[in-house]
Amino acid sequence: MAAVGSGGSTATAGPGAVSAGALEPGTSSAGETVWLSRQRRAGAHRRLKYISLAVLVVQNASLILSIRYARTLPGDRFFATTAVVMAEVLKGLTCLLLLFAQKRGNVKHLVLFLHEAVLVQYMDTLKLAVPSLIYTLQNNLQYVAISNLPAATFQVSPKPSMAPEELAGVGDIG
């Protein structure tokens, strides 16, 4: 005798089988519990996706406005290259901190991982150097553009940096 479950699958009824009519009102089968758990996770992922999008929009807009403000102040201006290098150093330190946490605070494992990823697999490191240099040039040009354009014009104008990013993306896919 085959019983049909809530997911539409059939299972052979054995001595411990429970028919669908045998469940008490207000209870659910294990399959329904798993389905509800997946639905909750999907809802949480959806919320996280939209929260991340909102945070990135606010971050990008505030970055442009703060750079524009700092670059148009009277007096001596900072070098754009210094700002770009410091931003990259901060990103690098953040990545190292996250890797350190991922390696559970073990410095030896972190050093071995970095040695393997950067030095042993040097071809991958060299492949990443080209987009990195283009990205650095793009950021320097971004400071020049922000200094010479109104913030709204800069924000809505098509970015010339999209072409290298698209080429890098195509290279990753293909």
Protein backbone atom coordinates (compact mmCIF):
# COMPACT_ATOMS: atom_id res chain seq x y z
CA MET A 1 0.00 0.00 0.00
CA ALA A 2 1.43 3.41 -0.93
CA ALA A 3 0.68 6.62 0.97
CA VAL A 4 0.92 10.01 -0.68
CA GLY A 5 2.75 12.64 1.39
CA SER A 6 2.16 16.41 1.44
CA GLY A 7 4.93 16.92 -1.11
CA GLY A 8 3.23 14.60 -3.62
CA SER A 9 5.74 11.79 -3.11
CA THR A 10 4.69 8.24 -2.43
CA ALA A 11 6.03 6.07 0.32
CA THR A 12 5.29 2.51 1.23
CA ALA A 13 3.27 2.29 4.41
CA GLY A 14 4.97 0.19 7.02
CA PRO A 15 4.21 -0.73 10.61
CA GLY A 16 5.08 2.79 11.91
CA ALA A 17 3.45 4.74 9.06
CA VAL A 18 1.07 7.55 9.91
CA SER A 19 -1.67 8.42 7.47
CA ALA A 20 -2.45 12.05 6.65
CA GLY A 21 -5.79 11.81 8.46
CA ALA A 22 -4.13 10.59 11.66
CA LEU A 23 -2.47 13.94 12.46
CA GLU A 24 -4.12 16.00 15.15
CA PRO A 25 -5.45 19.44 14.19
CA GLY A 26 -2.79 22.11 14.59
CA THR A 27 0.14 19.74 14.01
CA SER A 28 2.22 19.36 10.87
CA SER A 29 4.29 16.65 9.33
CA ALA A 30 8.08 16.79 9.19
CA GLY A 31 7.90 17.72 5.49
CA GLU A 32 5.66 20.70 6.21
CA THR A 33 7.99 21.82 9.01
CA VAL A 34 10.96 21.72 6.64
CA TRP A 35 8.95 23.63 4.01
CA LEU A 36 7.98 26.32 6.56
CA SER A 37 11.60 26.57 7.70
CA ARG A 38 12.73 27.09 4.09
CA GLN A 39 10.05 29.72 3.55
CA ARG A 40 11.21 31.62 6.65
CA ARG A 41 14.82 31.49 5.46
CA ALA A 42 13.79 32.66 1.99
CA GLY A 43 11.92 35.57 3.56
CA ALA A 44 14.95 36.43 5.71
CA HIS A 45 17.24 36.28 2.66
CA ARG A 46 14.85 38.54 0.74
CA ARG A 47 14.80 41.08 3.57
CA LEU A 48 18.60 40.94 3.85
CA LYS A 49 18.89 41.52 0.11
CA TYR A 50 16.76 44.67 0.24
CA ILE A 51 18.41 45.96 3.40
CA SER A 52 21.82 45.46 1.76
CA LEU A 53 20.64 47.32 -1.33
CA ALA A 54 19.39 50.24 0.76
CA VAL A 55 22.63 50.41 2.75
CA LEU A 56 24.71 50.38 -0.44
CA VAL A 57 22.59 53.14 -2.00
CA VAL A 58 22.99 55.34 1.09
CA GLN A 59 26.72 54.53 1.30
CA ASN A 60 27.33 55.35 -2.36
CA ALA A 61 25.37 58.61 -2.24
CA SER A 62 27.03 59.73 1.00
CA LEU A 63 30.48 58.84 -0.36
CA ILE A 64 29.96 61.00 -3.43
CA LEU A 65 28.61 63.91 -1.41
CA SER A 66 31.38 63.75 1.21
CA ILE A 67 34.13 63.53 -1.42
CA ARG A 68 32.57 66.44 -3.32
CA TYR A 69 32.39 68.49 -0.12
CA ALA A 70 35.99 67.71 0.86
CA ARG A 71 37.33 68.44 -2.64
CA THR A 72 35.57 71.81 -2.96
CA LEU A 73 36.61 73.26 0.41
CA PRO A 74 38.83 76.34 0.14
CA GLY A 75 42.47 75.90 1.00
CA ASP A 76 44.91 73.09 0.40
CA ARG A 77 43.39 69.94 -1.03
CA PHE A 78 44.53 66.42 -0.29
CA PHE A 79 46.02 64.27 -3.00
CA ALA A 80 43.51 61.97 -4.63
CA THR A 81 46.14 59.23 -4.87
CA THR A 82 46.65 59.36 -1.09
CA ALA A 83 42.92 58.94 -0.51
CA VAL A 84 42.74 56.01 -2.93
CA VAL A 85 45.76 54.26 -1.40
CA MET A 86 44.43 54.75 2.13
CA ALA A 87 41.02 53.36 1.11
CA GLU A 88 42.72 50.30 -0.37
CA VAL A 89 44.89 49.84 2.75
CA LEU A 90 41.75 50.00 4.90
CA LYS A 91 40.04 47.40 2.68
CA GLY A 92 43.11 45.16 2.87
CA LEU A 93 43.27 45.38 6.65
CA THR A 94 39.56 44.61 6.88
CA CYS A 95 40.04 41.53 4.70
CA LEU A 96 42.97 40.39 6.83
CA LEU A 97 40.91 40.85 9.97
CA LEU A 98 38.05 38.79 8.50
CA LEU A 99 40.48 36.06 7.40
CA PHE A 100 42.04 36.11 10.88
CA ALA A 101 38.59 35.60 12.40
CA GLN A 102 37.83 32.86 9.87
CA LYS A 103 41.03 31.05 10.89
CA ARG A 104 39.84 31.30 14.51
CA GLY A 105 42.65 33.63 15.55
CA ASN A 106 45.42 31.25 14.52
CA VAL A 107 48.19 33.38 13.03
CA LYS A 108 50.09 30.36 11.74
CA HIS A 109 47.08 29.16 9.71
CA LEU A 110 46.52 32.69 8.41
CA VAL A 111 50.14 33.01 7.25
CA LEU A 112 50.04 29.57 5.62
CA PHE A 113 46.77 30.43 3.86
CA LEU A 114 48.13 33.76 2.60
CA HIS A 115 51.36 32.10 1.44
CA GLU A 116 49.37 29.47 -0.47
CA ALA A 117 46.88 31.95 -1.97
CA VAL A 118 49.33 34.71 -2.94
CA LEU A 119 52.75 33.15 -3.52
CA VAL A 120 52.14 29.53 -4.44
CA GLN A 121 49.23 30.37 -6.73
CA TYR A 122 51.08 33.34 -8.20
CA MET A 123 49.35 33.09 -11.59
CA ASP A 124 46.01 33.87 -9.93
CA THR A 125 47.64 36.78 -8.14
CA LEU A 126 48.99 38.13 -11.43
CA LYS A 127 45.57 37.73 -13.06
CA LEU A 128 44.06 39.86 -10.30
CA ALA A 129 46.77 42.53 -10.63
CA VAL A 130 45.46 43.84 -13.96
CA PRO A 131 41.90 44.62 -12.77
CA SER A 132 43.37 45.99 -9.55
CA LEU A 133 45.53 48.50 -11.41
CA ILE A 134 42.60 49.52 -13.63
CA TYR A 135 40.44 49.92 -10.51
CA THR A 136 43.07 52.16 -8.90
CA LEU A 137 43.21 54.32 -12.03
CA GLN A 138 39.41 54.46 -12.07
CA ASN A 139 39.29 55.66 -8.46
CA ASN A 140 41.85 58.38 -9.15
CA LEU A 141 39.85 59.56 -12.16
CA GLN A 142 36.71 59.47 -10.03
CA TYR A 143 38.25 62.03 -7.67
CA VAL A 144 39.10 64.27 -10.64
CA ALA A 145 35.53 63.99 -11.94
CA ILE A 146 33.97 64.70 -8.54
CA SER A 147 36.18 67.76 -8.15
CA ASN A 148 35.09 69.20 -11.50
CA LEU A 149 31.42 68.18 -11.81
CA PRO A 150 28.39 68.92 -9.65
CA ALA A 151 27.54 65.95 -7.43
CA ALA A 152 24.17 65.29 -9.12
CA THR A 153 25.75 65.32 -12.60
CA PHE A 154 28.50 62.97 -11.49
CA GLN A 155 26.02 60.60 -9.83
CA VAL A 156 23.76 60.20 -12.88
CA SER A 157 26.39 60.34 -15.62
CA PRO A 158 27.43 57.04 -17.18
CA LYS A 159 30.62 55.85 -15.59
CA PRO A 160 33.55 55.06 -17.89
CA SER A 161 34.59 52.49 -15.31
CA MET A 162 31.75 50.22 -16.35
CA ALA A 163 33.65 48.94 -19.39
CA PRO A 164 36.63 47.48 -17.44
CA GLU A 165 34.24 46.00 -14.85
CA GLU A 166 32.16 44.39 -17.58
CA LEU A 167 35.26 43.02 -19.29
CA ALA A 168 36.49 41.61 -15.98
CA GLY A 169 33.07 40.05 -15.39
CA VAL A 170 33.05 38.46 -18.83
CA GLY A 171 36.54 37.14 -18.17
CA ASP A 172 35.36 35.58 -14.91
CA ILE A 173 32.33 33.95 -16.54
CA GLY A 174 34.07 32.72 -19.70
